[in-house]
Amino acid sequence: MRNVLLIASLALAAATTLSGCGNSAEPSTASSGAPTAPCKADDFKVTGDFGKAPKVEIPACKPTDELIIKDLVAGTGAEVKTGTTATVNYQLTTFSNKKVLDSSFERGEPFDVENVGQAPVIDGWNEGIVGLKEKGRRLLIVPPAKGYGQGTNGIKANETLVFVIDGVKVTPAA
């Protein structure tokens, strides 16, 4: 599924910090057995080194409607700002079925996000990669309203998206 992010973000143009999952081993559940406690960023476990495809463990908690941003590796280079171009590697895991749907790491092709803040990508990226530094790794938990909403290209409607993004290069605005 090459460049699902780019293709789906163009479709999005036509359409439109996690808190809570508790520290107990057993999440709160409703009578249906579904988790009721909202997730928090620290509940998501990400392993792997910068530049390599990460392994992401999705917790048994309920996603919130908020964009969650957590730096996993702080980074040491230039910082992504509104208007810059960010060259990144990313992996997309869907929350509901815990499947990796897209990965530039696996393709060996970083992705350019041109004009961050106004780029033709999902809102979760335009907001969530600002502040990422070169050599930094960031976790983004993107709610449906800032993702693909009604779904597209293999992403079901109202899906929460879990991205791990590595900052490869930041190019200032021209």
Protein backbone atom coordinates (compact mmCIF):
# COMPACT_ATOMS: atom_id res chain seq x y z
CA MET A 1 0.00 0.00 0.00
CA ARG A 2 2.47 2.56 -1.24
CA ASN A 3 2.04 6.04 0.15
CA VAL A 4 -1.32 5.45 1.82
CA LEU A 5 -0.62 8.59 3.81
CA LEU A 6 -0.29 10.82 0.75
CA ILE A 7 -3.20 9.28 -1.17
CA ALA A 8 -5.53 9.31 1.80
CA SER A 9 -4.54 12.85 2.76
CA LEU A 10 -5.58 14.08 -0.66
CA ALA A 11 -8.94 12.37 -0.17
CA LEU A 12 -9.17 14.10 3.20
CA ALA A 13 -8.93 17.48 1.53
CA ALA A 14 -12.22 16.72 -0.17
CA ALA A 15 -13.91 15.46 3.02
CA THR A 16 -13.11 16.64 6.35
CA THR A 17 -2.39 14.14 25.67
CA LEU A 18 -4.18 11.06 25.91
CA SER A 19 -5.12 10.80 29.52
CA GLY A 20 -6.20 7.99 31.63
CA CYS A 21 -5.79 4.22 30.96
CA GLY A 22 -4.82 3.68 34.58
CA ASN A 23 -1.84 1.72 35.73
CA SER A 24 -3.69 -1.40 36.80
CA ALA A 25 -3.11 -4.65 34.96
CA GLU A 26 -6.84 -4.92 34.21
CA PRO A 27 -8.40 -1.94 32.39
CA SER A 28 -11.90 -0.85 33.37
CA THR A 29 -14.48 -2.39 31.06
CA ALA A 30 -18.15 -1.88 30.39
CA SER A 31 -20.58 -4.79 30.51
CA SER A 32 -19.76 -5.40 26.84
CA GLY A 33 -16.15 -6.11 27.81
CA ALA A 34 -14.88 -3.05 25.91
CA PRO A 35 -12.35 -0.83 27.72
CA THR A 36 -13.92 2.28 29.26
CA ALA A 37 -10.84 4.02 30.67
CA PRO A 38 -9.23 6.39 28.17
CA CYS A 39 -5.67 5.73 27.06
CA LYS A 40 -2.69 7.86 27.93
CA ALA A 41 0.49 8.20 25.89
CA ASP A 42 2.58 6.13 28.30
CA ASP A 43 0.28 3.14 27.79
CA PHE A 44 1.61 2.69 24.24
CA LYS A 45 4.84 0.72 24.18
CA VAL A 46 7.24 1.42 21.31
CA THR A 47 10.53 -0.39 20.86
CA GLY A 48 13.21 -0.14 18.21
CA ASP A 49 15.97 2.27 17.31
CA PHE A 50 15.75 5.49 15.33
CA GLY A 51 15.87 4.75 11.61
CA LYS A 52 14.49 1.22 12.02
CA ALA A 53 10.87 0.08 11.83
CA PRO A 54 9.43 0.23 15.35
CA LYS A 55 7.37 -2.36 17.18
CA VAL A 56 4.22 -0.83 18.65
CA GLU A 57 2.07 -2.41 21.35
CA ILE A 58 -1.48 -1.03 21.40
CA PRO A 59 -2.94 -1.02 24.95
CA ALA A 60 -6.38 -2.28 26.00
CA CYS A 61 -7.91 1.11 26.70
CA LYS A 62 -10.30 3.50 24.99
CA PRO A 63 -8.88 6.11 22.58
CA THR A 64 -9.82 9.73 23.23
CA ASP A 65 -10.78 12.46 20.79
CA GLU A 66 -7.54 14.35 21.45
CA LEU A 67 -4.35 14.38 19.38
CA ILE A 68 -1.63 12.84 21.53
CA ILE A 69 2.00 13.77 20.96
CA LYS A 70 4.90 12.13 22.78
CA ASP A 71 8.58 12.40 21.95
CA LEU A 72 10.21 9.00 22.29
CA VAL A 73 13.66 10.33 21.31
CA ALA A 74 14.19 14.07 21.73
CA GLY A 75 16.32 14.62 18.63
CA THR A 76 19.37 16.82 18.21
CA GLY A 77 18.98 18.57 14.87
CA ALA A 78 16.86 21.26 13.28
CA GLU A 79 13.26 21.56 14.47
CA VAL A 80 10.15 21.24 12.31
CA LYS A 81 8.30 24.56 12.25
CA THR A 82 5.24 25.73 10.39
CA GLY A 83 6.19 26.23 6.73
CA THR A 84 9.26 23.98 6.74
CA THR A 85 9.62 20.71 4.86
CA ALA A 86 10.01 17.69 7.09
CA THR A 87 11.49 14.54 5.61
CA VAL A 88 10.32 11.68 7.82
CA ASN A 89 10.05 7.95 8.10
CA TYR A 90 6.79 6.72 9.55
CA GLN A 91 4.84 3.65 10.50
CA LEU A 92 1.04 3.62 10.72
CA THR A 93 -0.66 1.09 12.99
CA THR A 94 -4.46 1.03 13.25
CA PHE A 95 -5.75 1.09 16.82
CA SER A 96 -8.77 -1.18 16.34
CA ASN A 97 -7.00 -4.20 14.88
CA LYS A 98 -3.38 -3.45 15.88
CA LYS A 99 -2.13 -3.97 12.31
CA VAL A 100 0.67 -2.08 10.58
CA LEU A 101 -1.05 -0.55 7.56
CA ASP A 102 1.77 1.49 6.05
CA SER A 103 5.49 1.94 6.68
CA SER A 104 8.04 4.09 4.89
CA PHE A 105 10.66 2.27 6.98
CA GLU A 106 9.78 -0.98 5.20
CA ARG A 107 9.80 0.69 1.77
CA GLY A 108 13.13 2.37 2.49
CA GLU A 109 11.66 5.67 1.21
CA PRO A 110 11.33 8.65 3.56
CA PHE A 111 8.30 10.89 3.00
CA ASP A 112 8.47 14.67 2.47
CA VAL A 113 5.88 16.79 4.25
CA GLU A 114 6.13 20.12 2.43
CA ASN A 115 4.85 23.32 4.06
CA VAL A 116 4.11 21.78 7.46
CA GLY A 117 0.94 23.25 8.91
CA GLN A 118 -0.65 23.53 5.46
CA ALA A 119 0.67 20.32 3.90
CA PRO A 120 -1.69 18.00 2.00
CA VAL A 121 -1.66 15.46 4.85
CA ILE A 122 -4.02 14.75 7.74
CA ASP A 123 -4.50 17.42 10.39
CA GLY A 124 -2.91 15.11 12.95
CA TRP A 125 0.36 15.38 11.03
CA ASN A 126 0.17 19.12 10.30
CA GLU A 127 -0.23 19.69 14.04
CA GLY A 128 1.67 16.72 15.41
CA ILE A 129 5.03 16.99 13.69
CA VAL A 130 5.62 20.65 14.57
CA GLY A 131 8.45 20.63 17.10
CA LEU A 132 9.89 17.28 15.99
CA LYS A 133 13.66 17.52 15.59
CA GLU A 134 16.03 15.79 13.20
CA LYS A 135 17.13 12.48 14.72
CA GLY A 136 14.00 12.56 16.92
CA ARG A 137 11.31 9.89 17.17
CA ARG A 138 7.71 10.82 17.98
CA LEU A 139 4.55 8.91 18.80
CA LEU A 140 1.30 10.40 17.47
CA ILE A 141 -2.10 9.04 18.45
CA VAL A 142 -4.47 10.60 15.94
CA PRO A 143 -8.23 10.62 16.59
CA PRO A 144 -10.58 10.13 13.62
CA ALA A 145 -11.43 13.85 13.41
CA LYS A 146 -7.75 14.66 12.78
CA GLY A 147 -7.16 11.54 10.68
CA TYR A 148 -9.24 9.96 7.96
CA GLY A 149 -12.68 10.43 9.55
CA GLN A 150 -14.98 8.40 7.32
CA GLY A 151 -12.12 6.17 6.19
CA THR A 152 -10.24 5.62 2.94
CA ASN A 153 -7.68 3.27 1.34
CA GLY A 154 -8.03 0.42 3.81
CA ILE A 155 -8.61 2.63 6.85
CA LYS A 156 -12.06 2.06 8.28
CA ALA A 157 -14.37 4.86 9.37
CA ASN A 158 -13.70 6.43 12.77
CA GLU A 159 -10.31 4.71 13.13
CA THR A 160 -7.75 5.99 15.62
CA LEU A 161 -4.29 6.00 14.04
CA VAL A 162 -1.01 5.29 15.82
CA PHE A 163 2.05 6.72 14.09
CA VAL A 164 5.71 6.46 14.99
CA ILE A 165 7.58 9.16 13.08
CA ASP A 166 11.33 9.68 12.76
CA GLY A 167 12.63 13.14 11.84
CA VAL A 168 15.15 12.53 9.06
CA LYS A 169 15.70 16.07 7.75
CA VAL A 170 14.23 19.54 8.18
CA THR A 171 14.46 22.01 5.31
CA PRO A 172 13.63 25.68 6.03
CA ALA A 173 10.85 27.38 4.07
CA ALA A 174 12.06 28.93 0.81
